[in-house]
Amino acid sequence: MEDVLKELQELKDLTLMGQKQVLTLKEVAILTDLSPSHIYKLCCYKKIPYYKANGGSKYSYFDRDEINAWMLGNRIKTNDELETEAATRIVTGKPKRRGAAA
């Protein structure tokens, strides 16, 4: 019975988390499926966007939309996309400029 109550509480917590825009480190760990210690390291190395309340709080806070964008920030092109891009470059004779959007 205690296990069932614990699982129900976890489901309730996940449901509430799904409605929040501002997340805690623990919630971001759940959302990203990364460990809390890894999220903390990402914060230390400034590899993930986060906030500090009043500029100096010991707690870190995260914007859900920014975390979603961060998770989707390094899209890998499909083989079809790469082949199309290569064919276009061959036909036009123009190499892609550095930093130019695809």
PDB file of N, CA and C in Angstrom:
ATOM      1  N   MET A   1       0.829  -1.198   0.000  1.00  0.00           N
ATOM      2  CA  MET A   1       0.000   0.000   0.000  1.00  0.00           C
ATOM      3  C   MET A   1       0.872   1.261   0.000  1.00  0.00           C
ATOM      4  N   GLU A   2       1.951   1.224   0.760  1.00  0.00           N
ATOM      5  CA  GLU A   2       2.846   2.374   0.840  1.00  0.00           C
ATOM      6  C   GLU A   2       3.484   2.663  -0.520  1.00  0.00           C
ATOM      7  N   ASP A   3       3.824   1.609  -1.268  1.00  0.00           N
ATOM      8  CA  ASP A   3       4.402   1.781  -2.604  1.00  0.00           C
ATOM      9  C   ASP A   3       3.407   2.444  -3.555  1.00  0.00           C
ATOM     10  N   VAL A   4       2.154   2.055  -3.457  1.00  0.00           N
ATOM     11  CA  VAL A   4       1.110   2.630  -4.313  1.00  0.00           C
ATOM     12  C   VAL A   4       0.940   4.111  -3.999  1.00  0.00           C
ATOM     13  N   LEU A   5       0.949   4.462  -2.734  1.00  0.00           N
ATOM     14  CA  LEU A   5       0.824   5.865  -2.345  1.00  0.00           C
ATOM     15  C   LEU A   5       2.017   6.680  -2.842  1.00  0.00           C
ATOM     16  N   LYS A   6       3.200   6.093  -2.766  1.00  0.00           N
ATOM     17  CA  LYS A   6       4.405   6.780  -3.239  1.00  0.00           C
ATOM     18  C   LYS A   6       4.322   7.014  -4.747  1.00  0.00           C
ATOM     19  N   GLU A   7       3.886   6.009  -5.496  1.00  0.00           N
ATOM     20  CA  GLU A   7       3.739   6.159  -6.937  1.00  0.00           C
ATOM     21  C   GLU A   7       2.686   7.196  -7.298  1.00  0.00           C
ATOM     22  N   LEU A   8       1.584   7.222  -6.553  1.00  0.00           N
ATOM     23  CA  LEU A   8       0.554   8.226  -6.793  1.00  0.00           C
ATOM     24  C   LEU A   8       1.085   9.633  -6.544  1.00  0.00           C
ATOM     25  N   GLN A   9       1.880   9.797  -5.498  1.00  0.00           N
ATOM     26  CA  GLN A   9       2.471  11.098  -5.206  1.00  0.00           C
ATOM     27  C   GLN A   9       3.422  11.518  -6.323  1.00  0.00           C
ATOM     28  N   GLU A  10       4.208  10.576  -6.842  1.00  0.00           N
ATOM     29  CA  GLU A  10       5.125  10.878  -7.938  1.00  0.00           C
ATOM     30  C   GLU A  10       4.354  11.298  -9.186  1.00  0.00           C
ATOM     31  N   LEU A  11       3.248  10.615  -9.469  1.00  0.00           N
ATOM     32  CA  LEU A  11       2.412  10.995 -10.605  1.00  0.00           C
ATOM     33  C   LEU A  11       1.821  12.384 -10.420  1.00  0.00           C
ATOM     34  N   LYS A  12       1.396  12.679  -9.216  1.00  0.00           N
ATOM     35  CA  LYS A  12       0.850  14.005  -8.912  1.00  0.00           C
ATOM     36  C   LYS A  12       1.921  15.067  -9.120  1.00  0.00           C
ATOM     37  N   ASP A  13       3.141  14.793  -8.644  1.00  0.00           N
ATOM     38  CA  ASP A  13       4.245  15.735  -8.801  1.00  0.00           C
ATOM     39  C   ASP A  13       4.558  15.973 -10.281  1.00  0.00           C
ATOM     40  N   LEU A  14       4.566  14.898 -11.075  1.00  0.00           N
ATOM     41  CA  LEU A  14       4.840  15.034 -12.503  1.00  0.00           C
ATOM     42  C   LEU A  14       3.750  15.840 -13.205  1.00  0.00           C
ATOM     43  N   THR A  15       2.512  15.627 -12.797  1.00  0.00           N
ATOM     44  CA  THR A  15       1.400  16.373 -13.382  1.00  0.00           C
ATOM     45  C   THR A  15       1.538  17.856 -13.071  1.00  0.00           C
ATOM     46  N   LEU A  16       1.854  18.177 -11.832  1.00  0.00           N
ATOM     47  CA  LEU A  16       2.039  19.583 -11.449  1.00  0.00           C
ATOM     48  C   LEU A  16       3.234  20.189 -12.171  1.00  0.00           C
ATOM     49  N   MET A  17       4.302  19.419 -12.321  1.00  0.00           N
ATOM     50  CA  MET A  17       5.496  19.911 -13.003  1.00  0.00           C
ATOM     51  C   MET A  17       5.173  20.241 -14.457  1.00  0.00           C
ATOM     52  N   GLY A  18       4.293  19.462 -15.075  1.00  0.00           N
ATOM     53  CA  GLY A  18       3.915  19.702 -16.465  1.00  0.00           C
ATOM     54  C   GLY A  18       3.216  21.031 -16.674  1.00  0.00           C
ATOM     55  N   GLN A  19       2.696  21.624 -15.613  1.00  0.00           N
ATOM     56  CA  GLN A  19       1.984  22.893 -15.704  1.00  0.00           C
ATOM     57  C   GLN A  19       2.872  24.090 -15.357  1.00  0.00           C
ATOM     58  N   LYS A  20       4.066  23.830 -14.853  1.00  0.00           N
ATOM     59  CA  LYS A  20       4.952  24.907 -14.407  1.00  0.00           C
ATOM     60  C   LYS A  20       5.817  25.436 -15.539  1.00  0.00           C
ATOM     61  N   GLN A  21       6.049  26.739 -15.562  1.00  0.00           N
ATOM     62  CA  GLN A  21       6.958  27.352 -16.517  1.00  0.00           C
ATOM     63  C   GLN A  21       8.362  27.464 -15.928  1.00  0.00           C
ATOM     64  N   VAL A  22       8.441  27.728 -14.625  1.00  0.00           N
ATOM     65  CA  VAL A  22       9.724  27.849 -13.942  1.00  0.00           C
ATOM     66  C   VAL A  22       9.977  26.545 -13.203  1.00  0.00           C
ATOM     67  N   LEU A  23      11.128  25.936 -13.497  1.00  0.00           N
ATOM     68  CA  LEU A  23      11.445  24.626 -12.946  1.00  0.00           C
ATOM     69  C   LEU A  23      12.644  24.680 -12.016  1.00  0.00           C
ATOM     70  N   THR A  24      12.689  23.741 -11.101  1.00  0.00           N
ATOM     71  CA  THR A  24      13.846  23.583 -10.216  1.00  0.00           C
ATOM     72  C   THR A  24      14.868  22.668 -10.887  1.00  0.00           C
ATOM     73  N   LEU A  25      16.045  22.587 -10.311  1.00  0.00           N
ATOM     74  CA  LEU A  25      17.082  21.714 -10.831  1.00  0.00           C
ATOM     75  C   LEU A  25      16.594  20.262 -10.878  1.00  0.00           C
ATOM     76  N   LYS A  26      15.944  19.823  -9.841  1.00  0.00           N
ATOM     77  CA  LYS A  26      15.440  18.445  -9.783  1.00  0.00           C
ATOM     78  C   LYS A  26      14.417  18.199 -10.897  1.00  0.00           C
ATOM     79  N   GLU A  27      13.554  19.168 -11.146  1.00  0.00           N
ATOM     80  CA  GLU A  27      12.537  19.023 -12.191  1.00  0.00           C
ATOM     81  C   GLU A  27      13.170  18.998 -13.581  1.00  0.00           C
ATOM     82  N   VAL A  28      14.220  19.804 -13.767  1.00  0.00           N
ATOM     83  CA  VAL A  28      14.925  19.790 -15.054  1.00  0.00           C
ATOM     84  C   VAL A  28      15.614  18.443 -15.255  1.00  0.00           C
ATOM     85  N   ALA A  29      16.136  17.882 -14.189  1.00  0.00           N
ATOM     86  CA  ALA A  29      16.753  16.555 -14.284  1.00  0.00           C
ATOM     87  C   ALA A  29      15.725  15.527 -14.750  1.00  0.00           C
ATOM     88  N   ILE A  30      14.524  15.602 -14.209  1.00  0.00           N
ATOM     89  CA  ILE A  30      13.459  14.679 -14.618  1.00  0.00           C
ATOM     90  C   ILE A  30      13.076  14.939 -16.069  1.00  0.00           C
ATOM     91  N   LEU A  31      12.890  16.208 -16.432  1.00  0.00           N
ATOM     92  CA  LEU A  31      12.479  16.578 -17.785  1.00  0.00           C
ATOM     93  C   LEU A  31      13.493  16.125 -18.834  1.00  0.00           C
ATOM     94  N   THR A  32      14.777  16.284 -18.538  1.00  0.00           N
ATOM     95  CA  THR A  32      15.831  15.973 -19.503  1.00  0.00           C
ATOM     96  C   THR A  32      16.342  14.540 -19.395  1.00  0.00           C
ATOM     97  N   ASP A  33      15.953  13.860 -18.345  1.00  0.00           N
ATOM     98  CA  ASP A  33      16.438  12.503 -18.060  1.00  0.00           C
ATOM     99  C   ASP A  33      17.944  12.496 -17.823  1.00  0.00           C
ATOM    100  N   LEU A  34      18.437  13.581 -17.241  1.00  0.00           N
ATOM    101  CA  LEU A  34      19.829  13.683 -16.824  1.00  0.00           C
ATOM    102  C   LEU A  34      19.858  13.713 -15.299  1.00  0.00           C
ATOM    103  N   SER A  35      20.978  13.338 -14.719  1.00  0.00           N
ATOM    104  CA  SER A  35      21.063  13.340 -13.261  1.00  0.00           C
ATOM    105  C   SER A  35      21.133  14.776 -12.736  1.00  0.00           C
ATOM    106  N   PRO A  36      20.656  15.005 -11.511  1.00  0.00           N
ATOM    107  CA  PRO A  36      20.775  16.343 -10.923  1.00  0.00           C
ATOM    108  C   PRO A  36      22.225  16.825 -10.870  1.00  0.00           C
ATOM    109  N   SER A  37      23.160  15.920 -10.606  1.00  0.00           N
ATOM    110  CA  SER A  37      24.566  16.337 -10.545  1.00  0.00           C
ATOM    111  C   SER A  37      25.069  16.779 -11.920  1.00  0.00           C
ATOM    112  N   HIS A  38      24.577  16.138 -12.982  1.00  0.00           N
ATOM    113  CA  HIS A  38      24.979  16.548 -14.328  1.00  0.00           C
ATOM    114  C   HIS A  38      24.394  17.922 -14.666  1.00  0.00           C
ATOM    115  N   ILE A  39      23.152  18.150 -14.295  1.00  0.00           N
ATOM    116  CA  ILE A  39      22.540  19.471 -14.514  1.00  0.00           C
ATOM    117  C   ILE A  39      23.329  20.534 -13.759  1.00  0.00           C
ATOM    118  N   TYR A  40      23.715  20.228 -12.525  1.00  0.00           N
ATOM    119  CA  TYR A  40      24.510  21.165 -11.724  1.00  0.00           C
ATOM    120  C   TYR A  40      25.834  21.491 -12.426  1.00  0.00           C
ATOM    121  N   LYS A  41      26.496  20.466 -12.967  1.00  0.00           N
ATOM    122  CA  LYS A  41      27.766  20.683 -13.674  1.00  0.00           C
ATOM    123  C   LYS A  41      27.541  21.545 -14.918  1.00  0.00           C
ATOM    124  N   LEU A  42      26.447  21.288 -15.637  1.00  0.00           N
ATOM    125  CA  LEU A  42      26.142  22.110 -16.807  1.00  0.00           C
ATOM    126  C   LEU A  42      25.963  23.577 -16.417  1.00  0.00           C
ATOM    127  N   CYS A  43      25.348  23.801 -15.259  1.00  0.00           N
ATOM    128  CA  CYS A  43      25.192  25.178 -14.759  1.00  0.00           C
ATOM    129  C   CYS A  43      26.552  25.783 -14.433  1.00  0.00           C
ATOM    130  N   CYS A  44      27.385  25.022 -13.759  1.00  0.00           N
ATOM    131  CA  CYS A  44      28.712  25.523 -13.372  1.00  0.00           C
ATOM    132  C   CYS A  44      29.536  25.933 -14.585  1.00  0.00           C
ATOM    133  N   TYR A  45      29.421  25.170 -15.669  1.00  0.00           N
ATOM    134  CA  TYR A  45      30.172  25.462 -16.888  1.00  0.00           C
ATOM    135  C   TYR A  45      29.393  26.353 -17.858  1.00  0.00           C
ATOM    136  N   LYS A  46      28.236  26.839 -17.391  1.00  0.00           N
ATOM    137  CA  LYS A  46      27.392  27.736 -18.188  1.00  0.00           C
ATOM    138  C   LYS A  46      27.057  27.136 -19.555  1.00  0.00           C
ATOM    139  N   LYS A  47      26.672  25.851 -19.541  1.00  0.00           N
ATOM    140  CA  LYS A  47      26.304  25.136 -20.755  1.00  0.00           C
ATOM    141  C   LYS A  47      24.794  25.010 -20.905  1.00  0.00           C
ATOM    142  N   ILE A  48      24.057  25.460 -19.903  1.00  0.00           N
ATOM    143  CA  ILE A  48      22.607  25.368 -19.906  1.00  0.00           C
ATOM    144  C   ILE A  48      22.056  26.692 -19.363  1.00  0.00           C
ATOM    145  N   PRO A  49      20.975  27.221 -19.951  1.00  0.00           N
ATOM    146  CA  PRO A  49      20.439  28.491 -19.454  1.00  0.00           C
ATOM    147  C   PRO A  49      19.725  28.308 -18.114  1.00  0.00           C
ATOM    148  N   TYR A  50      20.042  29.186 -17.158  1.00  0.00           N
ATOM    149  CA  TYR A  50      19.401  29.121 -15.845  1.00  0.00           C
ATOM    150  C   TYR A  50      19.401  30.497 -15.198  1.00  0.00           C
ATOM    151  N   TYR A  51      18.683  30.591 -14.099  1.00  0.00           N
ATOM    152  CA  TYR A  51      18.514  31.858 -13.388  1.00  0.00           C
ATOM    153  C   TYR A  51      18.788  31.671 -11.909  1.00  0.00           C
ATOM    154  N   LYS A  52      19.160  32.762 -11.259  1.00  0.00           N
ATOM    155  CA  LYS A  52      19.306  32.818  -9.807  1.00  0.00           C
ATOM    156  C   LYS A  52      18.358  33.894  -9.300  1.00  0.00           C
ATOM    157  N   ALA A  53      17.521  33.537  -8.346  1.00  0.00           N
ATOM    158  CA  ALA A  53      16.603  34.531  -7.769  1.00  0.00           C
ATOM    159  C   ALA A  53      17.424  35.604  -7.063  1.00  0.00           C
ATOM    160  N   ASN A  54      17.084  36.841  -7.296  1.00  0.00           N
ATOM    161  CA  ASN A  54      17.767  37.986  -6.685  1.00  0.00           C
ATOM    162  C   ASN A  54      19.261  37.990  -6.979  1.00  0.00           C
ATOM    163  N   GLY A  55      19.672  37.303  -8.031  1.00  0.00           N
ATOM    164  CA  GLY A  55      21.063  37.328  -8.463  1.00  0.00           C
ATOM    165  C   GLY A  55      22.033  36.514  -7.644  1.00  0.00           C
ATOM    166  N   GLY A  56      21.659  36.064  -6.468  1.00  0.00           N
ATOM    167  CA  GLY A  56      22.638  35.360  -5.665  1.00  0.00           C
ATOM    168  C   GLY A  56      22.089  34.197  -4.863  1.00  0.00           C
ATOM    169  N   SER A  57      20.891  33.801  -5.131  1.00  0.00           N
ATOM    170  CA  SER A  57      20.280  32.689  -4.412  1.00  0.00           C
ATOM    171  C   SER A  57      21.109  31.422  -4.606  1.00  0.00           C
ATOM    172  N   LYS A  58      21.072  30.556  -3.621  1.00  0.00           N
ATOM    173  CA  LYS A  58      21.798  29.290  -3.779  1.00  0.00           C
ATOM    174  C   LYS A  58      21.035  28.323  -4.678  1.00  0.00           C
ATOM    175  N   TYR A  59      19.790  28.651  -5.007  1.00  0.00           N
ATOM    176  CA  TYR A  59      18.972  27.791  -5.857  1.00  0.00           C
ATOM    177  C   TYR A  59      19.004  28.275  -7.297  1.00  0.00           C
ATOM    178  N   SER A  60      18.999  27.332  -8.218  1.00  0.00           N
ATOM    179  CA  SER A  60      18.936  27.649  -9.640  1.00  0.00           C
ATOM    180  C   SER A  60      17.531  27.368 -10.141  1.00  0.00           C
ATOM    181  N   TYR A  61      17.066  28.213 -11.050  1.00  0.00           N
ATOM    182  CA  TYR A  61      15.753  28.059 -11.638  1.00  0.00           C
ATOM    183  C   TYR A  61      15.892  28.054 -13.161  1.00  0.00           C
ATOM    184  N   PHE A  62      14.962  27.399 -13.826  1.00  0.00           N
ATOM    185  CA  PHE A  62      15.056  27.193 -15.259  1.00  0.00           C
ATOM    186  C   PHE A  62      13.724  27.499 -15.917  1.00  0.00           C
ATOM    187  N   ASP A  63      13.783  28.082 -17.107  1.00  0.00           N
ATOM    188  CA  ASP A  63      12.595  28.357 -17.899  1.00  0.00           C
ATOM    189  C   ASP A  63      12.335  27.142 -18.791  1.00  0.00           C
ATOM    190  N   ARG A  64      11.138  26.592 -18.711  1.00  0.00           N
ATOM    191  CA  ARG A  64      10.797  25.372 -19.455  1.00  0.00           C
ATOM    192  C   ARG A  64      11.065  25.532 -20.958  1.00  0.00           C
ATOM    193  N   ASP A  65      10.641  26.651 -21.546  1.00  0.00           N
ATOM    194  CA  ASP A  65      10.822  26.858 -22.984  1.00  0.00           C
ATOM    195  C   ASP A  65      12.309  26.906 -23.347  1.00  0.00           C
ATOM    196  N   GLU A  66      13.115  27.537 -22.510  1.00  0.00           N
ATOM    197  CA  GLU A  66      14.553  27.610 -22.771  1.00  0.00           C
ATOM    198  C   GLU A  66      15.200  26.234 -22.670  1.00  0.00           C
ATOM    199  N   ILE A  67      14.745  25.423 -21.732  1.00  0.00           N
ATOM    200  CA  ILE A  67      15.291  24.070 -21.600  1.00  0.00           C
ATOM    201  C   ILE A  67      14.897  23.234 -22.812  1.00  0.00           C
ATOM    202  N   ASN A  68      13.644  23.356 -23.258  1.00  0.00           N
ATOM    203  CA  ASN A  68      13.227  22.633 -24.460  1.00  0.00           C
ATOM    204  C   ASN A  68      14.062  23.061 -25.670  1.00  0.00           C
ATOM    205  N   ALA A  69      14.295  24.358 -25.822  1.00  0.00           N
ATOM    206  CA  ALA A  69      15.111  24.858 -26.925  1.00  0.00           C
ATOM    207  C   ALA A  69      16.547  24.362 -26.799  1.00  0.00           C
ATOM    208  N   TRP A  70      17.066  24.333 -25.585  1.00  0.00           N
ATOM    209  CA  TRP A  70      18.422  23.841 -25.339  1.00  0.00           C
ATOM    210  C   TRP A  70      18.539  22.370 -25.735  1.00  0.00           C
ATOM    211  N   MET A  71      17.534  21.567 -25.380  1.00  0.00           N
ATOM    212  CA  MET A  71      17.567  20.147 -25.713  1.00  0.00           C
ATOM    213  C   MET A  71      17.516  19.930 -27.229  1.00  0.00           C
ATOM    214  N   LEU A  72      16.849  20.827 -27.947  1.00  0.00           N
ATOM    215  CA  LEU A  72      16.707  20.694 -29.392  1.00  0.00           C
ATOM    216  C   LEU A  72      17.697  21.565 -30.160  1.00  0.00           C
ATOM    217  N   GLY A  73      18.700  22.081 -29.477  1.00  0.00           N
ATOM    218  CA  GLY A  73      19.611  23.061 -30.054  1.00  0.00           C
ATOM    219  C   GLY A  73      20.632  22.542 -31.041  1.00  0.00           C
ATOM    220  N   ASN A  74      20.915  21.278 -31.043  1.00  0.00           N
ATOM    221  CA  ASN A  74      21.952  20.746 -31.932  1.00  0.00           C
ATOM    222  C   ASN A  74      21.376  19.659 -32.824  1.00  0.00           C
ATOM    223  N   ARG A  75      20.523  20.086 -33.725  1.00  0.00           N
ATOM    224  CA  ARG A  75      19.858  19.140 -34.628  1.00  0.00           C
ATOM    225  C   ARG A  75      20.868  18.503 -35.571  1.00  0.00           C
ATOM    226  N   ILE A  76      20.744  17.215 -35.767  1.00  0.00           N
ATOM    227  CA  ILE A  76      21.590  16.471 -36.695  1.00  0.00           C
ATOM    228  C   ILE A  76      20.788  16.260 -37.982  1.00  0.00           C
ATOM    229  N   LYS A  77      21.368  16.659 -39.101  1.00  0.00           N
ATOM    230  CA  LYS A  77      20.681  16.527 -40.382  1.00  0.00           C
ATOM    231  C   LYS A  77      20.580  15.050 -40.770  1.00  0.00           C
ATOM    232  N   THR A  78      19.501  14.726 -41.492  1.00  0.00           N
ATOM    233  CA  THR A  78      19.336  13.368 -42.008  1.00  0.00           C
ATOM    234  C   THR A  78      20.255  13.183 -43.217  1.00  0.00           C
ATOM    235  N   ASN A  79      20.471  11.934 -43.585  1.00  0.00           N
ATOM    236  CA  ASN A  79      21.274  11.656 -44.776  1.00  0.00           C
ATOM    237  C   ASN A  79      20.647  12.281 -46.021  1.00  0.00           C
ATOM    238  N   ASP A  80      19.319  12.244 -46.120  1.00  0.00           N
ATOM    239  CA  ASP A  80      18.638  12.866 -47.263  1.00  0.00           C
ATOM    240  C   ASP A  80      18.926  14.360 -47.327  1.00  0.00           C
ATOM    241  N   GLU A  81      18.863  15.036 -46.193  1.00  0.00           N
ATOM    242  CA  GLU A  81      19.152  16.475 -46.151  1.00  0.00           C
ATOM    243  C   GLU A  81      20.593  16.756 -46.566  1.00  0.00           C
ATOM    244  N   LEU A  82      21.523  15.940 -46.082  1.00  0.00           N
ATOM    245  CA  LEU A  82      22.936  16.130 -46.425  1.00  0.00           C
ATOM    246  C   LEU A  82      23.179  15.890 -47.914  1.00  0.00           C
ATOM    247  N   GLU A  83      22.528  14.861 -48.476  1.00  0.00           N
ATOM    248  CA  GLU A  83      22.687  14.562 -49.899  1.00  0.00           C
ATOM    249  C   GLU A  83      22.101  15.676 -50.766  1.00  0.00           C
ATOM    250  N   THR A  84      20.947  16.203 -50.371  1.00  0.00           N
ATOM    251  CA  THR A  84      20.335  17.305 -51.105  1.00  0.00           C
ATOM    252  C   THR A  84      21.226  18.539 -51.056  1.00  0.00           C
ATOM    253  N   GLU A  85      21.776  18.822 -49.880  1.00  0.00           N
ATOM    254  CA  GLU A  85      22.664  19.970 -49.717  1.00  0.00           C
ATOM    255  C   GLU A  85      23.916  19.797 -50.574  1.00  0.00           C
ATOM    256  N   ALA A  86      24.482  18.595 -50.594  1.00  0.00           N
ATOM    257  CA  ALA A  86      25.685  18.335 -51.393  1.00  0.00           C
ATOM    258  C   ALA A  86      25.379  18.488 -52.880  1.00  0.00           C
ATOM    259  N   ALA A  87      24.239  17.956 -53.310  1.00  0.00           N
ATOM    260  CA  ALA A  87      23.868  18.061 -54.726  1.00  0.00           C
ATOM    261  C   ALA A  87      23.669  19.516 -55.123  1.00  0.00           C
ATOM    262  N   THR A  88      23.052  20.296 -54.260  1.00  0.00           N
ATOM    263  CA  THR A  88      22.839  21.723 -54.529  1.00  0.00           C
ATOM    264  C   THR A  88      24.172  22.442 -54.656  1.00  0.00           C
ATOM    265  N   ARG A  89      25.106  22.115 -53.819  1.00  0.00           N
ATOM    266  CA  ARG A  89      26.433  22.756 -53.879  1.00  0.00           C
ATOM    267  C   ARG A  89      27.156  22.387 -55.164  1.00  0.00           C
ATOM    268  N   ILE A  90      27.006  21.135 -55.585  1.00  0.00           N
ATOM    269  CA  ILE A  90      27.665  20.708 -56.817  1.00  0.00           C
ATOM    270  C   ILE A  90      27.072  21.440 -58.012  1.00  0.00           C
ATOM    271  N   VAL A  91      25.743  21.540 -58.058  1.00  0.00           N
ATOM    272  CA  VAL A  91      25.059  22.190 -59.179  1.00  0.00           C
ATOM    273  C   VAL A  91      25.372  23.682 -59.215  1.00  0.00           C
ATOM    274  N   THR A  92      25.313  24.343 -58.075  1.00  0.00           N
ATOM    275  CA  THR A  92      25.522  25.796 -58.047  1.00  0.00           C
ATOM    276  C   THR A  92      26.997  26.159 -58.029  1.00  0.00           C
ATOM    277  N   GLY A  93      27.841  25.237 -57.603  1.00  0.00           N
ATOM    278  CA  GLY A  93      29.264  25.517 -57.513  1.00  0.00           C
ATOM    279  C   GLY A  93      29.616  26.446 -56.382  1.00  0.00           C
ATOM    280  N   LYS A  94      28.643  26.678 -55.481  1.00  0.00           N
ATOM    281  CA  LYS A  94      28.875  27.589 -54.371  1.00  0.00           C
ATOM    282  C   LYS A  94      29.074  26.809 -53.082  1.00  0.00           C
ATOM    283  N   PRO A  95      30.210  26.969 -52.430  1.00  0.00           N
ATOM    284  CA  PRO A  95      30.363  26.337 -51.121  1.00  0.00           C
ATOM    285  C   PRO A  95      29.534  27.084 -50.087  1.00  0.00           C
ATOM    286  N   LYS A  96      29.086  26.371 -49.094  1.00  0.00           N
ATOM    287  CA  LYS A  96      28.304  26.999 -48.027  1.00  0.00           C
ATOM    288  C   LYS A  96      29.218  27.924 -47.229  1.00  0.00           C
ATOM    289  N   ARG A  97      28.728  29.139 -46.973  1.00  0.00           N
ATOM    290  CA  ARG A  97      29.492  30.069 -46.151  1.00  0.00           C
ATOM    291  C   ARG A  97      29.454  29.639 -44.707  1.00  0.00           C
ATOM    292  N   ARG A  98      30.516  29.920 -44.001  1.00  0.00           N
ATOM    293  CA  ARG A  98      30.546  29.626 -42.563  1.00  0.00           C
ATOM    294  C   ARG A  98      29.480  30.414 -41.841  1.00  0.00           C
ATOM    295  N   GLY A  99      28.758  29.726 -40.957  1.00  0.00           N
ATOM    296  CA  GLY A  99      27.759  30.381 -40.145  1.00  0.00           C
ATOM    297  C   GLY A  99      26.452  30.673 -40.862  1.00  0.00           C
ATOM    298  N   ALA A 100      26.385  30.351 -42.140  1.00  0.00           N
ATOM    299  CA  ALA A 100      25.140  30.606 -42.879  1.00  0.00           C
ATOM    300  C   ALA A 100      24.107  29.557 -42.495  1.00  0.00           C
ATOM    301  N   ALA A 101      22.881  29.995 -42.404  1.00  0.00           N
ATOM    302  CA  ALA A 101      21.796  29.077 -42.058  1.00  0.00           C
ATOM    303  C   ALA A 101      21.508  28.157 -43.233  1.00  0.00           C
ATOM    304  N   ALA A 102      21.081  26.940 -42.912  1.00  0.00           N
ATOM    305  CA  ALA A 102      20.786  25.969 -43.971  1.00  0.00           C
ATOM    306  C   ALA A 102      19.462  26.283 -44.628  1.00  0.00           C
TER     307      ALA A 102
END
